[in-house]
Amino acid sequence: MAALCLLSPAATVVATDAEQWRERLTELAEDPARGAANLQRNQYRHPVETLLFFGIEPQMSVLELWPVRGWYTEIIAPFVKDQGRLTVAHFRQDAASNQDAKSQFWARLSSRLEQRILEQHAHFGEVGRVALDPPNFIPALAPDQFDMILSFRNAHIWDQRGHLLATMQSLYQVLKPGGTLGMVEHRAARVSEITSYAVEGYTDEAYLIQVAEQVGFQLVASSEINANPRDSKDYPKGVYALPPTLAMGLTDRDYYLAIGESDRMTLKFTKPARATAD
C-alpha cells in the first residue's frame, strides 16, 4: 500500500501563502504597465525567484537601497503596501548641486522616481523615503527597524568610493535581529579575500562576504539565480559594456547583446537574533 503523506494544517497554510506570494509577485513583475524595456529585463534579473529566495513576505518592513529608476520598486512596493511598508533610500537630492556628475545624474533619477511614486499612489502605496549618502548613512532611522534590506548592484559603487565597510555597518544597525539583507552584485572572475574593487563594476564575491561578516552579518545562503556563464568579464569598459548600458555604443553591439546582462552573485545574509536570558 502506498504511504500517504499528510500535511498539518499549519504546513498547508504556509504552502498556500507561498503559492499566493509567488502568484502576486509574478503578476507584478509581468504587468504590461511596467513597459517593454523593464519587462525585457525580467529574463536577466529574475525578480520573482530573487525576491522569494530572499524570503520577502507582504507584511514586512522593507528598505530598498538606491532604487534609481525603480525597476524593483514597482514590484516590491505594491507587494507590501497593504500589510507592510517599503522605504527607499535615495541619493541626496542636493547632490545635484554639490557632487560629481555621476551622483548628480543619480540624484535626478531619484527625484523622478519620487514624483512617479506620488503620481501613481494607487500602485505604489505609501512609500517612505530616506537619504543614503555613504559614508554618511541615514542617522534619522532608529536601530532595528527593518525586516529586510535589499541592495541590487550597489556594493561595487560603495567599495569603489571606499565606503563599503561603513555602509555595511549602518545597514547592520537598522536591520532587525533575525532580519535579512539580500544582495545582488556583479561578480568578478577572480576569487580573492584580499582584493576588493574590481575595475569597471565587478566585485569579488569572497571579499563582499568577508566585509558583511566583519560587521556581524551571517551568510545564510547563496544562489545562482542571477548567474550568467556567458559573461567573460574582460571587456574594454567592464560591466558597462553589457546591456542595459551598452557603453561601447555600436561597436560589437550584437556581441554584447548576445551575452546579456552581467554574471551576478545573489547573497542572503541575516543579522543574528539576540540571545534571550534563560
C-alpha atoms as a PDB file:
ATOM      1  CA  MET A   1       0.000   0.000   0.000  1.00  0.00           C
ATOM      2  CA  ALA A   2       1.343   3.392  -0.930  1.00  0.00           C
ATOM      3  CA  ALA A   3       2.180   5.566   2.034  1.00  0.00           C
ATOM      4  CA  LEU A   4       0.088   8.650   2.498  1.00  0.00           C
ATOM      5  CA  CYS A   5       1.827  11.949   3.169  1.00  0.00           C
ATOM      6  CA  LEU A   6      -0.361  14.150   5.314  1.00  0.00           C
ATOM      7  CA  LEU A   7       0.368  17.839   5.804  1.00  0.00           C
ATOM      8  CA  SER A   8      -0.547  19.545   9.039  1.00  0.00           C
ATOM      9  CA  PRO A   9      -2.970  22.495   8.805  1.00  0.00           C
ATOM     10  CA  ALA A  10      -0.097  24.863   9.604  1.00  0.00           C
ATOM     11  CA  ALA A  11       2.052  23.431   6.821  1.00  0.00           C
ATOM     12  CA  THR A  12      -0.852  23.718   4.398  1.00  0.00           C
ATOM     13  CA  VAL A  13      -1.307  27.389   5.282  1.00  0.00           C
ATOM     14  CA  VAL A  14       2.401  28.067   4.754  1.00  0.00           C
ATOM     15  CA  ALA A  15       2.326  26.328   1.383  1.00  0.00           C
ATOM     16  CA  THR A  16      -0.781  28.247   0.356  1.00  0.00           C
ATOM     17  CA  ASP A  17       0.771  31.559   1.407  1.00  0.00           C
ATOM     18  CA  ALA A  18       3.938  30.833  -0.557  1.00  0.00           C
ATOM     19  CA  GLU A  19       1.918  29.984  -3.656  1.00  0.00           C
ATOM     20  CA  GLN A  20      -0.114  33.169  -3.332  1.00  0.00           C
ATOM     21  CA  TRP A  21       3.012  35.279  -2.866  1.00  0.00           C
ATOM     22  CA  ARG A  22       4.603  33.765  -5.960  1.00  0.00           C
ATOM     23  CA  GLU A  23       1.463  34.431  -7.970  1.00  0.00           C
ATOM     24  CA  ARG A  24       1.300  38.037  -6.766  1.00  0.00           C
ATOM     25  CA  LEU A  25       4.971  38.713  -7.454  1.00  0.00           C
ATOM     26  CA  THR A  26       4.645  37.165 -10.903  1.00  0.00           C
ATOM     27  CA  GLU A  27       1.617  39.330 -11.635  1.00  0.00           C
ATOM     28  CA  LEU A  28       3.539  42.458 -10.624  1.00  0.00           C
ATOM     29  CA  ALA A  29       6.722  41.508 -12.458  1.00  0.00           C
ATOM     30  CA  GLU A  30       4.847  40.757 -15.686  1.00  0.00           C
ATOM     31  CA  ASP A  31       2.491  43.745 -15.518  1.00  0.00           C
ATOM     32  CA  PRO A  32       2.410  45.351 -19.001  1.00  0.00           C
ATOM     33  CA  ALA A  33       2.259  48.759 -17.318  1.00  0.00           C
ATOM     34  CA  ARG A  34       5.946  48.334 -16.437  1.00  0.00           C
ATOM     35  CA  GLY A  35       6.804  48.933 -20.070  1.00  0.00           C
ATOM     36  CA  ALA A  36       8.571  46.800 -22.649  1.00  0.00           C
ATOM     37  CA  ALA A  37      12.099  47.762 -21.560  1.00  0.00           C
ATOM     38  CA  ASN A  38      11.544  46.719 -17.945  1.00  0.00           C
ATOM     39  CA  LEU A  39       9.721  43.541 -18.897  1.00  0.00           C
ATOM     40  CA  GLN A  40      12.530  42.559 -21.247  1.00  0.00           C
ATOM     41  CA  ARG A  41      14.975  42.633 -18.321  1.00  0.00           C
ATOM     42  CA  ASN A  42      12.989  40.036 -16.349  1.00  0.00           C
ATOM     43  CA  GLN A  43      14.897  37.314 -18.204  1.00  0.00           C
ATOM     44  CA  TYR A  44      18.167  38.576 -16.725  1.00  0.00           C
ATOM     45  CA  ARG A  45      17.105  39.848 -13.295  1.00  0.00           C
ATOM     46  CA  HIS A  46      14.662  37.059 -12.312  1.00  0.00           C
ATOM     47  CA  PRO A  47      12.723  39.259  -9.872  1.00  0.00           C
ATOM     48  CA  VAL A  48      10.224  36.662  -8.660  1.00  0.00           C
ATOM     49  CA  GLU A  49      12.815  33.979  -7.951  1.00  0.00           C
ATOM     50  CA  THR A  50      15.207  36.505  -6.405  1.00  0.00           C
ATOM     51  CA  LEU A  51      12.672  38.037  -4.023  1.00  0.00           C
ATOM     52  CA  LEU A  52      11.363  34.622  -2.991  1.00  0.00           C
ATOM     53  CA  PHE A  53      14.920  33.427  -2.382  1.00  0.00           C
ATOM     54  CA  PHE A  54      15.453  36.372  -0.040  1.00  0.00           C
ATOM     55  CA  GLY A  55      12.220  35.415   1.732  1.00  0.00           C
ATOM     56  CA  ILE A  56      10.109  38.515   1.184  1.00  0.00           C
ATOM     57  CA  GLU A  57       6.633  38.460   2.740  1.00  0.00           C
ATOM     58  CA  PRO A  58       3.821  41.019   2.330  1.00  0.00           C
ATOM     59  CA  GLN A  59       3.759  42.073   5.986  1.00  0.00           C
ATOM     60  CA  MET A  60       7.437  43.041   6.074  1.00  0.00           C
ATOM     61  CA  SER A  61       9.050  46.417   6.573  1.00  0.00           C
ATOM     62  CA  VAL A  62      11.500  46.589   3.656  1.00  0.00           C
ATOM     63  CA  LEU A  63      14.313  49.034   2.881  1.00  0.00           C
ATOM     64  CA  GLU A  64      15.445  49.194  -0.751  1.00  0.00           C
ATOM     65  CA  LEU A  65      18.798  50.877  -1.333  1.00  0.00           C
ATOM     66  CA  TRP A  66      19.377  53.235  -4.258  1.00  0.00           C
ATOM     67  CA  PRO A  67      16.406  52.164  -6.402  1.00  0.00           C
ATOM     68  CA  VAL A  68      17.356  54.777  -9.047  1.00  0.00           C
ATOM     69  CA  ARG A  69      14.696  54.282 -11.757  1.00  0.00           C
ATOM     70  CA  GLY A  70      12.602  51.980  -9.558  1.00  0.00           C
ATOM     71  CA  TRP A  71      12.868  48.742 -11.537  1.00  0.00           C
ATOM     72  CA  TYR A  72      12.426  46.652  -8.387  1.00  0.00           C
ATOM     73  CA  THR A  73      10.441  49.316  -6.529  1.00  0.00           C
ATOM     74  CA  GLU A  74       7.464  48.897  -8.834  1.00  0.00           C
ATOM     75  CA  ILE A  75       7.319  45.229  -7.797  1.00  0.00           C
ATOM     76  CA  ILE A  76       8.166  45.464  -4.094  1.00  0.00           C
ATOM     77  CA  ALA A  77       6.037  48.494  -3.147  1.00  0.00           C
ATOM     78  CA  PRO A  78       2.653  47.102  -4.231  1.00  0.00           C
ATOM     79  CA  PHE A  79       3.553  43.680  -2.831  1.00  0.00           C
ATOM     80  CA  VAL A  80       3.959  45.022   0.726  1.00  0.00           C
ATOM     81  CA  LYS A  81       1.746  48.117   0.657  1.00  0.00           C
ATOM     82  CA  ASP A  82      -1.354  46.592   2.320  1.00  0.00           C
ATOM     83  CA  GLN A  83       0.291  44.778   5.230  1.00  0.00           C
ATOM     84  CA  GLY A  84       3.860  46.070   5.360  1.00  0.00           C
ATOM     85  CA  ARG A  85       5.802  49.075   4.139  1.00  0.00           C
ATOM     86  CA  LEU A  86       8.572  49.889   1.695  1.00  0.00           C
ATOM     87  CA  THR A  87      11.126  52.594   2.391  1.00  0.00           C
ATOM     88  CA  VAL A  88      13.542  53.644  -0.341  1.00  0.00           C
ATOM     89  CA  ALA A  89      16.993  55.022   0.426  1.00  0.00           C
ATOM     90  CA  HIS A  90      17.653  57.585  -2.295  1.00  0.00           C
ATOM     91  CA  PHE A  91      20.626  59.659  -3.272  1.00  0.00           C
ATOM     92  CA  ARG A  92      20.591  63.032  -1.547  1.00  0.00           C
ATOM     93  CA  GLN A  93      18.515  65.448  -3.558  1.00  0.00           C
ATOM     94  CA  ASP A  94      21.044  68.262  -3.058  1.00  0.00           C
ATOM     95  CA  ALA A  95      23.617  66.051  -4.753  1.00  0.00           C
ATOM     96  CA  ALA A  96      22.593  67.752  -7.979  1.00  0.00           C
ATOM     97  CA  SER A  97      24.395  70.887  -6.821  1.00  0.00           C
ATOM     98  CA  ASN A  98      27.480  69.737  -4.933  1.00  0.00           C
ATOM     99  CA  GLN A  99      28.655  66.292  -6.058  1.00  0.00           C
ATOM    100  CA  ASP A 100      30.283  64.633  -9.056  1.00  0.00           C
ATOM    101  CA  ALA A 101      28.493  64.226 -12.361  1.00  0.00           C
ATOM    102  CA  LYS A 102      27.510  60.608 -11.736  1.00  0.00           C
ATOM    103  CA  SER A 103      25.980  61.436  -8.345  1.00  0.00           C
ATOM    104  CA  GLN A 104      24.144  64.373  -9.898  1.00  0.00           C
ATOM    105  CA  PHE A 105      22.682  62.062 -12.526  1.00  0.00           C
ATOM    106  CA  TRP A 106      21.580  59.523  -9.912  1.00  0.00           C
ATOM    107  CA  ALA A 107      20.031  62.262  -7.788  1.00  0.00           C
ATOM    108  CA  ARG A 108      17.967  63.455 -10.747  1.00  0.00           C
ATOM    109  CA  LEU A 109      16.723  59.917 -11.350  1.00  0.00           C
ATOM    110  CA  SER A 110      15.796  59.664  -7.666  1.00  0.00           C
ATOM    111  CA  SER A 111      13.715  62.826  -7.971  1.00  0.00           C
ATOM    112  CA  ARG A 112      11.890  61.401 -10.974  1.00  0.00           C
ATOM    113  CA  LEU A 113      11.125  58.183  -9.125  1.00  0.00           C
ATOM    114  CA  GLU A 114       9.762  60.111  -6.154  1.00  0.00           C
ATOM    115  CA  GLN A 115       7.467  62.063  -8.455  1.00  0.00           C
ATOM    116  CA  ARG A 116       6.310  58.866 -10.123  1.00  0.00           C
ATOM    117  CA  ILE A 117       5.521  57.275  -6.749  1.00  0.00           C
ATOM    118  CA  LEU A 118       3.388  60.287  -5.845  1.00  0.00           C
ATOM    119  CA  GLU A 119       1.583  60.293  -9.189  1.00  0.00           C
ATOM    120  CA  GLN A 120       0.911  56.525  -9.093  1.00  0.00           C
ATOM    121  CA  HIS A 121      -0.062  56.279  -5.443  1.00  0.00           C
ATOM    122  CA  ALA A 122      -2.711  53.636  -6.120  1.00  0.00           C
ATOM    123  CA  HIS A 123       0.002  51.301  -7.383  1.00  0.00           C
ATOM    124  CA  PHE A 124       2.888  52.084  -5.039  1.00  0.00           C
ATOM    125  CA  GLY A 125       1.017  52.932  -1.845  1.00  0.00           C
ATOM    126  CA  GLU A 126       2.762  54.845   0.944  1.00  0.00           C
ATOM    127  CA  VAL A 127       6.495  54.621   0.356  1.00  0.00           C
ATOM    128  CA  GLY A 128       8.902  56.026   2.918  1.00  0.00           C
ATOM    129  CA  ARG A 129      11.978  57.974   1.861  1.00  0.00           C
ATOM    130  CA  VAL A 130      15.394  58.448   3.453  1.00  0.00           C
ATOM    131  CA  ALA A 131      18.776  59.576   2.132  1.00  0.00           C
ATOM    132  CA  LEU A 132      21.694  57.206   1.637  1.00  0.00           C
ATOM    133  CA  ASP A 133      24.894  59.132   1.052  1.00  0.00           C
ATOM    134  CA  PRO A 134      27.864  56.971   2.094  1.00  0.00           C
ATOM    135  CA  PRO A 135      29.815  57.266   4.277  1.00  0.00           C
ATOM    136  CA  ASN A 136      27.019  59.214   5.976  1.00  0.00           C
ATOM    137  CA  PHE A 137      24.114  56.798   6.111  1.00  0.00           C
ATOM    138  CA  ILE A 138      20.695  57.590   7.484  1.00  0.00           C
ATOM    139  CA  PRO A 139      21.075  58.750  11.097  1.00  0.00           C
ATOM    140  CA  ALA A 140      17.383  59.637  11.357  1.00  0.00           C
ATOM    141  CA  LEU A 141      16.449  55.947  11.288  1.00  0.00           C
ATOM    142  CA  ALA A 142      16.023  54.069  14.534  1.00  0.00           C
ATOM    143  CA  PRO A 143      18.065  50.894  15.106  1.00  0.00           C
ATOM    144  CA  ASP A 144      16.466  47.502  14.445  1.00  0.00           C
ATOM    145  CA  GLN A 145      13.781  48.960  12.186  1.00  0.00           C
ATOM    146  CA  PHE A 146      13.571  46.787   9.057  1.00  0.00           C
ATOM    147  CA  ASP A 147      12.695  43.140   8.486  1.00  0.00           C
ATOM    148  CA  MET A 148      14.543  43.134   5.174  1.00  0.00           C
ATOM    149  CA  ILE A 149      17.099  45.306   3.392  1.00  0.00           C
ATOM    150  CA  LEU A 150      17.621  44.846  -0.349  1.00  0.00           C
ATOM    151  CA  SER A 151      20.579  46.007  -2.433  1.00  0.00           C
ATOM    152  CA  PHE A 152      20.674  45.452  -6.175  1.00  0.00           C
ATOM    153  CA  ARG A 153      24.066  46.162  -7.795  1.00  0.00           C
ATOM    154  CA  ASN A 154      25.177  48.898  -5.384  1.00  0.00           C
ATOM    155  CA  ALA A 155      28.079  47.390  -3.426  1.00  0.00           C
ATOM    156  CA  HIS A 156      30.634  47.919  -6.200  1.00  0.00           C
ATOM    157  CA  ILE A 157      29.976  51.671  -6.035  1.00  0.00           C
ATOM    158  CA  TRP A 158      30.361  51.804  -2.263  1.00  0.00           C
ATOM    159  CA  ASP A 159      33.590  49.827  -2.496  1.00  0.00           C
ATOM    160  CA  GLN A 160      34.970  51.876  -5.367  1.00  0.00           C
ATOM    161  CA  ARG A 161      34.494  55.015  -3.280  1.00  0.00           C
ATOM    162  CA  GLY A 162      35.883  53.478  -0.108  1.00  0.00           C
ATOM    163  CA  HIS A 163      32.541  53.348   1.724  1.00  0.00           C
ATOM    164  CA  LEU A 164      31.627  49.661   1.696  1.00  0.00           C
ATOM    165  CA  LEU A 165      32.543  48.874   5.301  1.00  0.00           C
ATOM    166  CA  ALA A 166      30.866  51.993   6.724  1.00  0.00           C
ATOM    167  CA  THR A 167      27.717  51.358   4.702  1.00  0.00           C
ATOM    168  CA  MET A 168      27.500  47.726   5.779  1.00  0.00           C
ATOM    169  CA  GLN A 169      27.898  48.794   9.409  1.00  0.00           C
ATOM    170  CA  SER A 170      24.969  51.185   9.021  1.00  0.00           C
ATOM    171  CA  LEU A 171      22.825  48.522   7.374  1.00  0.00           C
ATOM    172  CA  TYR A 172      23.542  46.186  10.259  1.00  0.00           C
ATOM    173  CA  GLN A 173      22.337  48.797  12.741  1.00  0.00           C
ATOM    174  CA  VAL A 174      18.948  49.432  11.112  1.00  0.00           C
ATOM    175  CA  LEU A 175      18.116  45.771  10.340  1.00  0.00           C
ATOM    176  CA  LYS A 176      16.103  43.930  12.973  1.00  0.00           C
ATOM    177  CA  PRO A 177      17.732  40.968  14.734  1.00  0.00           C
ATOM    178  CA  GLY A 178      16.743  37.935  12.691  1.00  0.00           C
ATOM    179  CA  GLY A 179      16.189  40.149   9.645  1.00  0.00           C
ATOM    180  CA  THR A 180      17.527  39.587   6.129  1.00  0.00           C
ATOM    181  CA  LEU A 181      19.992  41.515   3.995  1.00  0.00           C
ATOM    182  CA  GLY A 182      19.622  40.472   0.351  1.00  0.00           C
ATOM    183  CA  MET A 183      22.341  41.496  -2.099  1.00  0.00           C
ATOM    184  CA  VAL A 184      22.699  41.071  -5.850  1.00  0.00           C
ATOM    185  CA  GLU A 185      26.027  42.220  -7.296  1.00  0.00           C
ATOM    186  CA  HIS A 186      28.157  41.993 -10.443  1.00  0.00           C
ATOM    187  CA  ARG A 187      30.543  39.099  -9.756  1.00  0.00           C
ATOM    188  CA  ALA A 188      34.255  39.347 -10.543  1.00  0.00           C
ATOM    189  CA  ALA A 189      36.007  36.430 -12.240  1.00  0.00           C
ATOM    190  CA  ARG A 190      38.776  36.022  -9.701  1.00  0.00           C
ATOM    191  CA  VAL A 191      38.346  34.741  -6.162  1.00  0.00           C
ATOM    192  CA  SER A 192      40.272  36.632  -3.508  1.00  0.00           C
ATOM    193  CA  GLU A 193      39.883  37.503   0.129  1.00  0.00           C
ATOM    194  CA  ILE A 194      42.220  40.491  -0.059  1.00  0.00           C
ATOM    195  CA  THR A 195      41.237  42.233  -3.289  1.00  0.00           C
ATOM    196  CA  SER A 196      38.220  44.478  -3.122  1.00  0.00           C
ATOM    197  CA  TYR A 197      37.163  46.712  -6.003  1.00  0.00           C
ATOM    198  CA  ALA A 198      37.363  45.076  -9.415  1.00  0.00           C
ATOM    199  CA  VAL A 199      37.831  47.507 -12.283  1.00  0.00           C
ATOM    200  CA  GLU A 200      34.690  48.639 -14.097  1.00  0.00           C
ATOM    201  CA  GLY A 201      31.941  47.454 -11.822  1.00  0.00           C
ATOM    202  CA  TYR A 202      32.662  43.859 -10.849  1.00  0.00           C
ATOM    203  CA  THR A 203      33.152  42.859  -7.190  1.00  0.00           C
ATOM    204  CA  ASP A 204      34.823  39.813  -5.696  1.00  0.00           C
ATOM    205  CA  GLU A 205      32.277  37.545  -4.007  1.00  0.00           C
ATOM    206  CA  ALA A 206      34.577  36.302  -1.238  1.00  0.00           C
ATOM    207  CA  TYR A 207      35.540  39.864  -0.384  1.00  0.00           C
ATOM    208  CA  LEU A 208      31.932  41.062  -0.171  1.00  0.00           C
ATOM    209  CA  ILE A 209      31.035  38.162   2.114  1.00  0.00           C
ATOM    210  CA  GLN A 210      34.093  38.902   4.242  1.00  0.00           C
ATOM    211  CA  VAL A 211      33.087  42.542   4.745  1.00  0.00           C
ATOM    212  CA  ALA A 212      29.496  41.590   5.594  1.00  0.00           C
ATOM    213  CA  GLU A 213      30.661  39.056   8.157  1.00  0.00           C
ATOM    214  CA  GLN A 214      33.148  41.550   9.565  1.00  0.00           C
ATOM    215  CA  VAL A 215      30.304  43.837  10.687  1.00  0.00           C
ATOM    216  CA  GLY A 216      28.265  40.952  12.134  1.00  0.00           C
ATOM    217  CA  PHE A 217      26.112  39.548   9.320  1.00  0.00           C
ATOM    218  CA  GLN A 218      25.932  35.805   8.796  1.00  0.00           C
ATOM    219  CA  LEU A 219      25.705  34.319   5.305  1.00  0.00           C
ATOM    220  CA  VAL A 220      22.569  32.167   5.185  1.00  0.00           C
ATOM    221  CA  ALA A 221      22.620  31.087   1.550  1.00  0.00           C
ATOM    222  CA  SER A 222      23.826  31.981  -1.910  1.00  0.00           C
ATOM    223  CA  SER A 223      22.110  31.324  -5.211  1.00  0.00           C
ATOM    224  CA  GLU A 224      22.981  31.122  -8.890  1.00  0.00           C
ATOM    225  CA  ILE A 225      19.597  32.576  -9.881  1.00  0.00           C
ATOM    226  CA  ASN A 226      21.306  35.562 -11.495  1.00  0.00           C
ATOM    227  CA  ALA A 227      24.403  33.803 -12.836  1.00  0.00           C
ATOM    228  CA  ASN A 228      25.430  34.261 -16.463  1.00  0.00           C
ATOM    229  CA  PRO A 229      28.213  31.913 -17.663  1.00  0.00           C
ATOM    230  CA  ARG A 230      28.445  33.823 -20.959  1.00  0.00           C
ATOM    231  CA  ASP A 231      29.871  36.858 -19.135  1.00  0.00           C
ATOM    232  CA  SER A 232      33.678  36.685 -19.614  1.00  0.00           C
ATOM    233  CA  LYS A 233      34.198  39.932 -17.624  1.00  0.00           C
ATOM    234  CA  ASP A 234      37.073  41.148 -19.805  1.00  0.00           C
ATOM    235  CA  TYR A 235      35.514  43.954 -21.831  1.00  0.00           C
ATOM    236  CA  PRO A 236      37.098  47.358 -22.564  1.00  0.00           C
ATOM    237  CA  LYS A 237      34.512  49.123 -20.402  1.00  0.00           C
ATOM    238  CA  GLY A 238      33.871  46.331 -17.954  1.00  0.00           C
ATOM    239  CA  VAL A 239      30.340  45.506 -16.897  1.00  0.00           C
ATOM    240  CA  TYR A 240      29.043  48.664 -18.560  1.00  0.00           C
ATOM    241  CA  ALA A 241      29.781  47.206 -21.996  1.00  0.00           C
ATOM    242  CA  LEU A 242      26.910  44.783 -21.410  1.00  0.00           C
ATOM    243  CA  PRO A 243      23.202  45.576 -21.533  1.00  0.00           C
ATOM    244  CA  PRO A 244      21.400  47.590 -20.453  1.00  0.00           C
ATOM    245  CA  THR A 245      24.160  50.264 -20.555  1.00  0.00           C
ATOM    246  CA  LEU A 246      25.944  49.100 -23.738  1.00  0.00           C
ATOM    247  CA  ALA A 247      28.751  51.594 -23.161  1.00  0.00           C
ATOM    248  CA  MET A 248      30.571  50.559 -26.357  1.00  0.00           C
ATOM    249  CA  GLY A 249      27.788  52.080 -28.422  1.00  0.00           C
ATOM    250  CA  LEU A 250      27.532  50.496 -31.847  1.00  0.00           C
ATOM    251  CA  THR A 251      30.900  48.755 -31.516  1.00  0.00           C
ATOM    252  CA  ASP A 252      30.254  44.996 -31.259  1.00  0.00           C
ATOM    253  CA  ARG A 253      26.730  45.763 -30.112  1.00  0.00           C
ATOM    254  CA  ASP A 254      25.290  42.430 -31.242  1.00  0.00           C
ATOM    255  CA  TYR A 255      28.108  40.606 -29.442  1.00  0.00           C
ATOM    256  CA  TYR A 256      27.288  42.260 -26.119  1.00  0.00           C
ATOM    257  CA  LEU A 257      23.555  41.816 -26.592  1.00  0.00           C
ATOM    258  CA  ALA A 258      24.112  38.094 -27.159  1.00  0.00           C
ATOM    259  CA  ILE A 259      25.967  37.849 -23.842  1.00  0.00           C
ATOM    260  CA  GLY A 260      23.134  39.531 -21.958  1.00  0.00           C
ATOM    261  CA  GLU A 261      23.373  41.231 -18.586  1.00  0.00           C
ATOM    262  CA  SER A 262      26.238  40.537 -16.191  1.00  0.00           C
ATOM    263  CA  ASP A 263      27.005  37.447 -14.141  1.00  0.00           C
ATOM    264  CA  ARG A 264      25.734  38.238 -10.640  1.00  0.00           C
ATOM    265  CA  MET A 265      26.102  36.800  -7.178  1.00  0.00           C
ATOM    266  CA  THR A 266      22.925  36.561  -5.093  1.00  0.00           C
ATOM    267  CA  LEU A 267      23.644  36.526  -1.361  1.00  0.00           C
ATOM    268  CA  LYS A 268      21.302  36.200   1.603  1.00  0.00           C
ATOM    269  CA  PHE A 269      22.601  37.384   4.975  1.00  0.00           C
ATOM    270  CA  THR A 270      20.956  37.589   8.367  1.00  0.00           C
ATOM    271  CA  LYS A 271      21.531  39.684  11.460  1.00  0.00           C
ATOM    272  CA  PRO A 272      21.697  37.140  14.284  1.00  0.00           C
ATOM    273  CA  ALA A 273      18.802  37.248  16.724  1.00  0.00           C
ATOM    274  CA  ARG A 274      19.731  38.420  20.184  1.00  0.00           C
ATOM    275  CA  ALA A 275      20.214  35.699  22.743  1.00  0.00           C
ATOM    276  CA  THR A 276      17.490  35.538  25.374  1.00  0.00           C
ATOM    277  CA  ALA A 277      18.136  35.077  29.061  1.00  0.00           C
ATOM    278  CA  ASP A 278      17.433  31.631  30.484  1.00  0.00           C
END
